């Protein structure tokens, strides 16, 4: 699985919404600035996430976005599958987006066998990690950061 820029931006936007879950709405400008995401691209991504019930929005001057469900109920797997499609590195091992591969013997292909193990590992992690956990990791990493030390000695 390779995450596209769209997929990365979707996760980063959900991180901001998760970190601000106690706020009624988060302005798109705020998300754009915090995560350095072009505003027009972000609008498209958030509208797409809205169409599947991951986020909600309110239009107008006082408008913005918020999570449609508690952050504990939104898995990375559900977001990535919606935005990117398969979590599998090759389509012949995908459970939801399977496509016959060009291998001479698909069932005995050692490459497919390894790719299936990789898919299973990715799915296991992506199904377990939620927006809430992503937010908690963000908070922990912020606490661990040493102010002013941006390089390794």
N, C-alpha and C. Protein backbone atom coordinates (compact mmCIF):
# COMPACT_ATOMS: atom_id res chain seq x y z
N UNK A 1 0.84 -1.18 0.00
CA UNK A 1 0.00 0.00 0.00
C UNK A 1 0.88 1.24 0.00
N UNK A 2 0.62 2.12 -0.92
CA UNK A 2 1.30 3.41 -0.94
C UNK A 2 0.24 4.47 -0.76
N UNK A 3 0.44 5.29 0.24
CA UNK A 3 -0.51 6.36 0.53
C UNK A 3 -0.23 7.53 -0.39
N UNK A 4 -1.24 7.97 -1.11
CA UNK A 4 -1.10 9.12 -1.99
C UNK A 4 -1.11 10.40 -1.15
N UNK A 5 -0.83 11.51 -1.78
CA UNK A 5 -0.90 12.81 -1.11
C UNK A 5 -2.33 13.04 -0.60
N UNK A 6 -3.30 12.66 -1.38
CA UNK A 6 -4.71 12.80 -0.98
C UNK A 6 -4.99 12.01 0.30
N UNK A 7 -4.49 10.78 0.36
CA UNK A 7 -4.68 9.96 1.54
C UNK A 7 -3.98 10.53 2.77
N UNK A 8 -2.76 11.01 2.56
CA UNK A 8 -2.02 11.63 3.66
C UNK A 8 -2.73 12.87 4.17
N UNK A 9 -3.19 13.72 3.25
CA UNK A 9 -3.91 14.93 3.64
C UNK A 9 -5.20 14.60 4.38
N UNK A 10 -5.89 13.56 3.95
CA UNK A 10 -7.14 13.16 4.63
C UNK A 10 -6.84 12.79 6.08
N UNK A 11 -5.79 12.01 6.30
CA UNK A 11 -5.43 11.62 7.66
C UNK A 11 -4.98 12.82 8.48
N UNK A 12 -4.24 13.72 7.88
CA UNK A 12 -3.78 14.91 8.60
C UNK A 12 -4.95 15.82 8.97
N UNK A 13 -5.92 15.94 8.08
CA UNK A 13 -7.11 16.75 8.38
C UNK A 13 -7.91 16.12 9.51
N UNK A 14 -8.05 14.79 9.49
CA UNK A 14 -8.78 14.10 10.56
C UNK A 14 -8.04 14.22 11.89
N UNK A 15 -6.72 14.26 11.84
CA UNK A 15 -5.94 14.47 13.05
C UNK A 15 -6.30 15.82 13.68
N UNK A 16 -6.34 16.87 12.88
CA UNK A 16 -6.70 18.20 13.40
C UNK A 16 -8.11 18.18 13.97
N UNK A 17 -9.04 17.56 13.26
CA UNK A 17 -10.41 17.49 13.76
C UNK A 17 -10.48 16.68 15.06
N UNK A 18 -9.71 15.61 15.13
CA UNK A 18 -9.67 14.80 16.34
C UNK A 18 -9.08 15.54 17.52
N UNK A 19 -8.02 16.29 17.27
CA UNK A 19 -7.39 17.07 18.34
C UNK A 19 -8.29 18.20 18.84
N UNK A 20 -9.25 18.59 17.99
CA UNK A 20 -10.18 19.67 18.35
C UNK A 20 -11.61 19.15 18.50
N UNK A 21 -11.74 17.90 18.91
CA UNK A 21 -13.05 17.27 19.01
C UNK A 21 -13.96 17.98 20.01
N UNK A 22 -13.37 18.70 20.96
CA UNK A 22 -14.17 19.43 21.95
C UNK A 22 -14.70 20.75 21.40
N UNK A 23 -14.25 21.16 20.23
CA UNK A 23 -14.73 22.39 19.58
C UNK A 23 -15.95 22.07 18.73
N UNK A 24 -16.91 22.99 18.63
CA UNK A 24 -18.09 22.71 17.79
C UNK A 24 -17.73 22.53 16.32
N UNK A 25 -16.83 23.38 15.82
CA UNK A 25 -16.41 23.31 14.42
C UNK A 25 -14.96 23.78 14.31
N UNK A 26 -14.29 23.29 13.28
CA UNK A 26 -12.94 23.76 12.98
C UNK A 26 -12.98 24.34 11.57
N UNK A 27 -12.53 25.56 11.45
CA UNK A 27 -12.55 26.23 10.14
C UNK A 27 -11.55 25.57 9.20
N UNK A 28 -11.93 25.49 7.94
CA UNK A 28 -11.07 24.86 6.95
C UNK A 28 -9.74 25.61 6.82
N UNK A 29 -9.77 26.93 6.98
CA UNK A 29 -8.56 27.73 6.93
C UNK A 29 -7.57 27.30 8.00
N UNK A 30 -8.08 26.98 9.18
CA UNK A 30 -7.25 26.55 10.30
C UNK A 30 -6.57 25.21 9.99
N UNK A 31 -7.34 24.27 9.46
CA UNK A 31 -6.78 22.96 9.10
C UNK A 31 -5.71 23.14 8.02
N UNK A 32 -6.04 23.95 7.02
CA UNK A 32 -5.13 24.20 5.91
C UNK A 32 -3.80 24.77 6.40
N UNK A 33 -3.87 25.75 7.29
CA UNK A 33 -2.65 26.39 7.80
C UNK A 33 -1.86 25.47 8.72
N UNK A 34 -2.55 24.77 9.61
CA UNK A 34 -1.86 23.88 10.55
C UNK A 34 -1.12 22.74 9.84
N UNK A 35 -1.71 22.23 8.79
CA UNK A 35 -1.15 21.05 8.12
C UNK A 35 -0.51 21.36 6.77
N UNK A 36 -0.50 22.64 6.40
CA UNK A 36 0.10 23.05 5.13
C UNK A 36 -0.51 22.29 3.95
N UNK A 37 -1.84 22.29 3.91
CA UNK A 37 -2.60 21.63 2.85
C UNK A 37 -3.29 22.71 2.03
N UNK A 38 -3.13 22.70 0.70
CA UNK A 38 -3.84 23.69 -0.12
C UNK A 38 -5.35 23.65 0.16
N UNK A 39 -5.92 24.81 0.39
CA UNK A 39 -7.32 24.92 0.83
C UNK A 39 -8.30 24.27 -0.15
N UNK A 40 -8.12 24.49 -1.44
CA UNK A 40 -9.06 23.93 -2.42
C UNK A 40 -9.00 22.40 -2.44
N UNK A 41 -7.80 21.86 -2.34
CA UNK A 41 -7.63 20.41 -2.30
C UNK A 41 -8.25 19.85 -1.02
N UNK A 42 -8.05 20.55 0.08
CA UNK A 42 -8.61 20.15 1.36
C UNK A 42 -10.14 20.15 1.31
N UNK A 43 -10.73 21.13 0.66
CA UNK A 43 -12.18 21.18 0.52
C UNK A 43 -12.70 19.94 -0.19
N UNK A 44 -12.02 19.53 -1.25
CA UNK A 44 -12.42 18.33 -2.00
C UNK A 44 -12.34 17.08 -1.12
N UNK A 45 -11.24 16.98 -0.38
CA UNK A 45 -11.03 15.82 0.49
C UNK A 45 -12.09 15.76 1.59
N UNK A 46 -12.34 16.89 2.24
CA UNK A 46 -13.33 16.92 3.32
C UNK A 46 -14.74 16.67 2.80
N UNK A 47 -15.07 17.16 1.62
CA UNK A 47 -16.38 16.87 1.03
C UNK A 47 -16.52 15.38 0.73
N UNK A 48 -15.44 14.76 0.28
CA UNK A 48 -15.45 13.33 0.03
C UNK A 48 -15.66 12.57 1.34
N UNK A 49 -14.96 12.96 2.39
CA UNK A 49 -15.12 12.31 3.69
C UNK A 49 -16.52 12.57 4.27
N UNK A 50 -17.08 13.71 3.94
CA UNK A 50 -18.45 14.01 4.38
C UNK A 50 -19.45 13.07 3.70
N UNK A 51 -19.21 12.76 2.43
CA UNK A 51 -20.13 11.91 1.67
C UNK A 51 -20.25 10.50 2.24
N UNK A 52 -19.25 10.06 3.01
CA UNK A 52 -19.31 8.72 3.62
C UNK A 52 -19.51 8.77 5.12
N UNK A 53 -19.84 9.95 5.64
CA UNK A 53 -20.19 10.07 7.05
C UNK A 53 -19.03 10.07 8.03
N UNK A 54 -17.85 10.46 7.56
CA UNK A 54 -16.70 10.55 8.47
C UNK A 54 -16.63 11.93 9.10
N UNK A 55 -16.98 12.96 8.33
CA UNK A 55 -17.02 14.32 8.86
C UNK A 55 -18.37 14.95 8.57
N UNK A 56 -18.66 16.02 9.30
CA UNK A 56 -19.86 16.84 9.09
C UNK A 56 -19.38 18.25 8.84
N UNK A 57 -20.23 19.04 8.18
CA UNK A 57 -19.84 20.42 7.94
C UNK A 57 -21.02 21.35 8.14
N UNK A 58 -20.66 22.61 8.33
CA UNK A 58 -21.66 23.68 8.40
C UNK A 58 -21.14 24.78 7.49
N UNK A 59 -22.00 25.26 6.62
CA UNK A 59 -21.60 26.31 5.67
C UNK A 59 -21.71 27.69 6.31
N UNK A 60 -21.10 28.65 5.65
CA UNK A 60 -21.25 30.03 6.05
C UNK A 60 -20.05 30.59 6.79
N UNK A 61 -20.19 31.85 7.19
CA UNK A 61 -19.12 32.59 7.85
C UNK A 61 -18.67 31.87 9.12
N UNK A 62 -19.62 31.35 9.88
CA UNK A 62 -19.28 30.65 11.12
C UNK A 62 -19.17 29.15 10.89
N UNK A 63 -18.97 28.75 9.65
CA UNK A 63 -18.95 27.34 9.30
C UNK A 63 -17.62 26.66 9.57
N UNK A 64 -17.61 25.38 9.31
CA UNK A 64 -16.41 24.59 9.48
C UNK A 64 -16.74 23.11 9.45
N UNK A 65 -15.80 22.31 9.96
CA UNK A 65 -15.94 20.86 9.94
C UNK A 65 -15.75 20.30 11.33
N UNK A 66 -16.29 19.09 11.51
CA UNK A 66 -16.08 18.32 12.73
C UNK A 66 -16.23 16.84 12.36
N UNK A 67 -15.75 15.99 13.25
CA UNK A 67 -15.91 14.55 13.03
C UNK A 67 -17.38 14.19 13.17
N UNK A 68 -17.87 13.30 12.33
CA UNK A 68 -19.26 12.87 12.37
C UNK A 68 -19.48 11.80 13.43
N UNK A 69 -18.40 11.14 13.84
CA UNK A 69 -18.46 10.09 14.86
C UNK A 69 -17.34 10.33 15.86
N UNK A 70 -17.41 9.70 17.02
CA UNK A 70 -16.30 9.84 17.97
C UNK A 70 -15.00 9.34 17.33
N UNK A 71 -13.87 9.97 17.65
CA UNK A 71 -12.60 9.59 17.02
C UNK A 71 -12.21 8.13 17.29
N UNK A 72 -12.73 7.54 18.36
CA UNK A 72 -12.46 6.14 18.67
C UNK A 72 -13.14 5.19 17.69
N UNK A 73 -14.10 5.69 16.93
CA UNK A 73 -14.86 4.85 16.00
C UNK A 73 -14.41 5.00 14.55
N UNK A 74 -13.39 5.82 14.30
CA UNK A 74 -12.91 6.03 12.93
C UNK A 74 -11.53 5.40 12.81
N UNK A 75 -11.46 4.29 12.09
CA UNK A 75 -10.17 3.62 11.93
C UNK A 75 -9.42 4.15 10.71
N UNK A 76 -8.11 4.04 10.78
CA UNK A 76 -7.30 4.43 9.63
C UNK A 76 -7.66 3.56 8.42
N UNK A 77 -7.96 2.30 8.66
CA UNK A 77 -8.32 1.40 7.57
C UNK A 77 -9.54 1.91 6.82
N UNK A 78 -10.57 2.36 7.54
CA UNK A 78 -11.79 2.82 6.87
C UNK A 78 -11.52 4.07 6.04
N UNK A 79 -10.68 4.95 6.55
CA UNK A 79 -10.36 6.18 5.81
C UNK A 79 -9.52 5.85 4.58
N UNK A 80 -8.48 5.07 4.77
CA UNK A 80 -7.58 4.74 3.65
C UNK A 80 -8.32 3.95 2.58
N UNK A 81 -9.15 3.00 3.00
CA UNK A 81 -9.91 2.23 2.00
C UNK A 81 -10.82 3.15 1.19
N UNK A 82 -11.43 4.11 1.86
CA UNK A 82 -12.32 5.02 1.12
C UNK A 82 -11.53 5.91 0.16
N UNK A 83 -10.45 6.48 0.64
CA UNK A 83 -9.69 7.45 -0.16
C UNK A 83 -8.81 6.76 -1.20
N UNK A 84 -8.17 5.65 -0.82
CA UNK A 84 -7.18 5.01 -1.67
C UNK A 84 -7.65 3.74 -2.36
N UNK A 85 -8.61 3.06 -1.75
CA UNK A 85 -8.99 1.75 -2.26
C UNK A 85 -8.34 0.67 -1.41
N UNK A 86 -7.68 -0.26 -2.04
CA UNK A 86 -7.12 -1.43 -1.37
C UNK A 86 -5.99 -1.07 -0.41
N UNK A 87 -5.91 -1.83 0.68
CA UNK A 87 -4.78 -1.75 1.59
C UNK A 87 -3.65 -2.68 1.13
N UNK A 88 -3.94 -3.53 0.17
CA UNK A 88 -2.97 -4.53 -0.30
C UNK A 88 -1.92 -3.90 -1.22
N UNK A 89 -0.67 -4.42 -1.13
CA UNK A 89 0.38 -3.90 -2.01
C UNK A 89 0.19 -4.31 -3.48
N UNK A 90 -0.49 -5.43 -3.73
CA UNK A 90 -0.83 -5.86 -5.09
C UNK A 90 -2.28 -6.32 -5.09
N UNK A 91 -2.97 -6.12 -6.19
CA UNK A 91 -4.42 -6.37 -6.22
C UNK A 91 -4.79 -7.85 -6.08
N UNK A 92 -3.88 -8.76 -6.41
CA UNK A 92 -4.24 -10.18 -6.34
C UNK A 92 -4.30 -10.70 -4.91
N UNK A 93 -3.91 -9.90 -3.92
CA UNK A 93 -4.04 -10.33 -2.52
C UNK A 93 -5.08 -9.50 -1.76
N UNK A 94 -5.74 -8.61 -2.46
CA UNK A 94 -6.75 -7.77 -1.82
C UNK A 94 -8.03 -8.55 -1.61
N UNK A 95 -8.60 -8.43 -0.40
CA UNK A 95 -9.86 -9.09 -0.12
C UNK A 95 -11.05 -8.31 -0.67
N UNK A 96 -10.94 -6.99 -0.74
CA UNK A 96 -12.05 -6.15 -1.19
C UNK A 96 -11.91 -5.66 -2.62
N UNK A 97 -10.70 -5.63 -3.13
CA UNK A 97 -10.45 -5.10 -4.47
C UNK A 97 -9.66 -6.10 -5.31
N UNK A 98 -9.95 -7.37 -5.16
CA UNK A 98 -9.21 -8.43 -5.84
C UNK A 98 -9.28 -8.31 -7.36
N UNK A 99 -8.12 -8.48 -7.98
CA UNK A 99 -8.03 -8.60 -9.44
C UNK A 99 -7.09 -9.75 -9.73
N UNK A 100 -7.46 -10.58 -10.68
CA UNK A 100 -6.60 -11.72 -11.06
C UNK A 100 -5.26 -11.19 -11.51
N UNK A 101 -4.21 -11.85 -11.01
CA UNK A 101 -2.87 -11.41 -11.39
C UNK A 101 -2.37 -12.16 -12.61
N UNK A 102 -1.24 -11.73 -13.11
CA UNK A 102 -0.68 -12.33 -14.32
C UNK A 102 0.28 -13.48 -14.03
N UNK A 103 0.37 -13.89 -12.77
CA UNK A 103 1.26 -15.01 -12.42
C UNK A 103 0.83 -16.28 -13.16
N UNK A 104 1.79 -17.11 -13.55
CA UNK A 104 1.42 -18.36 -14.22
C UNK A 104 0.64 -19.30 -13.30
N UNK A 105 0.92 -19.26 -11.99
CA UNK A 105 0.22 -20.09 -11.02
C UNK A 105 0.00 -19.27 -9.76
N UNK A 106 -1.11 -18.57 -9.72
CA UNK A 106 -1.41 -17.64 -8.63
C UNK A 106 -1.35 -18.29 -7.25
N UNK A 107 -1.85 -19.50 -7.12
CA UNK A 107 -1.89 -20.16 -5.82
C UNK A 107 -0.51 -20.56 -5.30
N UNK A 108 0.46 -20.73 -6.19
CA UNK A 108 1.79 -21.15 -5.76
C UNK A 108 2.84 -20.06 -5.97
N UNK A 109 2.41 -18.85 -6.16
CA UNK A 109 3.34 -17.75 -6.41
C UNK A 109 3.97 -17.29 -5.09
N UNK A 110 5.28 -17.40 -4.95
CA UNK A 110 5.93 -16.98 -3.70
C UNK A 110 5.83 -15.47 -3.47
N UNK A 111 5.83 -14.69 -4.51
CA UNK A 111 5.72 -13.24 -4.37
C UNK A 111 4.34 -12.89 -3.82
N UNK A 112 3.32 -13.51 -4.38
CA UNK A 112 1.96 -13.28 -3.89
C UNK A 112 1.84 -13.68 -2.43
N UNK A 113 2.47 -14.80 -2.06
CA UNK A 113 2.45 -15.28 -0.68
C UNK A 113 3.02 -14.23 0.27
N UNK A 114 4.15 -13.64 -0.08
CA UNK A 114 4.77 -12.61 0.76
C UNK A 114 3.89 -11.36 0.78
N UNK A 115 3.36 -10.96 -0.37
CA UNK A 115 2.50 -9.78 -0.44
C UNK A 115 1.24 -9.96 0.41
N UNK A 116 0.76 -11.19 0.49
CA UNK A 116 -0.41 -11.47 1.33
C UNK A 116 -0.06 -11.26 2.80
N UNK A 117 1.12 -11.69 3.23
CA UNK A 117 1.56 -11.47 4.62
C UNK A 117 1.69 -9.98 4.90
N UNK A 118 2.23 -9.23 3.95
CA UNK A 118 2.37 -7.78 4.11
C UNK A 118 0.99 -7.14 4.25
N UNK A 119 0.05 -7.55 3.39
CA UNK A 119 -1.31 -7.01 3.48
C UNK A 119 -1.92 -7.30 4.84
N UNK A 120 -1.76 -8.52 5.32
CA UNK A 120 -2.34 -8.89 6.61
C UNK A 120 -1.76 -8.04 7.74
N UNK A 121 -0.46 -7.76 7.69
CA UNK A 121 0.17 -6.92 8.73
C UNK A 121 -0.36 -5.49 8.66
N UNK A 122 -0.47 -4.96 7.45
CA UNK A 122 -0.97 -3.60 7.27
C UNK A 122 -2.42 -3.50 7.74
N UNK A 123 -3.24 -4.45 7.35
CA UNK A 123 -4.65 -4.44 7.73
C UNK A 123 -4.79 -4.52 9.25
N UNK A 124 -4.01 -5.39 9.88
CA UNK A 124 -4.08 -5.55 11.33
C UNK A 124 -3.81 -4.23 12.05
N UNK A 125 -2.81 -3.51 11.61
CA UNK A 125 -2.48 -2.23 12.24
C UNK A 125 -3.51 -1.16 11.88
N UNK A 126 -3.86 -1.05 10.60
CA UNK A 126 -4.79 0.00 10.15
C UNK A 126 -6.19 -0.17 10.74
N UNK A 127 -6.60 -1.41 11.00
CA UNK A 127 -7.91 -1.65 11.62
C UNK A 127 -7.89 -1.31 13.11
N UNK A 128 -6.72 -1.43 13.74
CA UNK A 128 -6.59 -1.18 15.18
C UNK A 128 -6.44 0.30 15.49
N UNK A 129 -5.72 1.03 14.65
CA UNK A 129 -5.42 2.43 14.93
C UNK A 129 -6.61 3.31 14.53
N UNK A 130 -7.04 4.13 15.48
CA UNK A 130 -8.16 5.04 15.24
C UNK A 130 -7.66 6.48 15.22
N UNK A 131 -8.53 7.38 14.85
CA UNK A 131 -8.20 8.81 14.90
C UNK A 131 -7.87 9.19 16.34
N UNK A 132 -8.54 8.60 17.31
CA UNK A 132 -8.25 8.90 18.72
C UNK A 132 -6.82 8.52 19.06
N UNK A 133 -6.37 7.35 18.60
CA UNK A 133 -5.00 6.93 18.89
C UNK A 133 -4.00 7.82 18.16
N UNK A 134 -4.33 8.21 16.95
CA UNK A 134 -3.47 9.13 16.20
C UNK A 134 -3.30 10.44 16.98
N UNK A 135 -4.38 10.92 17.55
CA UNK A 135 -4.33 12.15 18.35
C UNK A 135 -3.47 11.95 19.60
N UNK A 136 -3.64 10.82 20.25
CA UNK A 136 -2.84 10.54 21.45
C UNK A 136 -1.35 10.46 21.10
N UNK A 137 -1.03 9.84 20.00
CA UNK A 137 0.37 9.78 19.56
C UNK A 137 0.90 11.18 19.28
N UNK A 138 0.07 12.01 18.69
CA UNK A 138 0.49 13.38 18.41
C UNK A 138 0.80 14.12 19.70
N UNK A 139 -0.06 13.97 20.69
CA UNK A 139 0.16 14.62 21.98
C UNK A 139 1.44 14.12 22.64
N UNK A 140 1.66 12.82 22.60
CA UNK A 140 2.87 12.24 23.19
C UNK A 140 4.13 12.75 22.48
N UNK A 141 4.09 12.77 21.17
CA UNK A 141 5.25 13.23 20.40
C UNK A 141 5.53 14.71 20.67
N UNK A 142 4.48 15.50 20.86
CA UNK A 142 4.67 16.92 21.17
C UNK A 142 5.33 17.08 22.54
N UNK A 143 4.96 16.25 23.50
CA UNK A 143 5.56 16.31 24.83
C UNK A 143 7.01 15.86 24.83
N UNK A 144 7.33 14.89 23.97
CA UNK A 144 8.68 14.36 23.90
C UNK A 144 9.65 15.28 23.17
N UNK A 145 9.11 16.14 22.33
CA UNK A 145 9.95 17.02 21.52
C UNK A 145 10.71 17.99 22.43
N UNK A 146 11.96 18.21 22.09
CA UNK A 146 12.78 19.17 22.83
C UNK A 146 12.75 20.47 22.04
N UNK A 147 12.18 21.53 22.62
CA UNK A 147 12.08 22.81 21.91
C UNK A 147 13.45 23.30 21.45
N UNK A 148 13.51 23.73 20.22
CA UNK A 148 14.73 24.31 19.67
C UNK A 148 15.75 23.30 19.17
N UNK A 149 15.52 22.01 19.38
CA UNK A 149 16.48 21.01 18.93
C UNK A 149 15.90 20.31 17.70
N UNK A 150 16.25 20.80 16.53
CA UNK A 150 15.70 20.27 15.28
C UNK A 150 16.68 19.40 14.53
N UNK A 151 17.79 19.07 15.12
CA UNK A 151 18.79 18.29 14.42
C UNK A 151 19.42 17.25 15.36
N UNK A 152 20.03 16.25 14.75
CA UNK A 152 20.70 15.20 15.52
C UNK A 152 22.16 15.53 15.61
N UNK A 153 22.72 15.41 16.80
CA UNK A 153 24.14 15.71 17.00
C UNK A 153 24.96 14.48 16.69
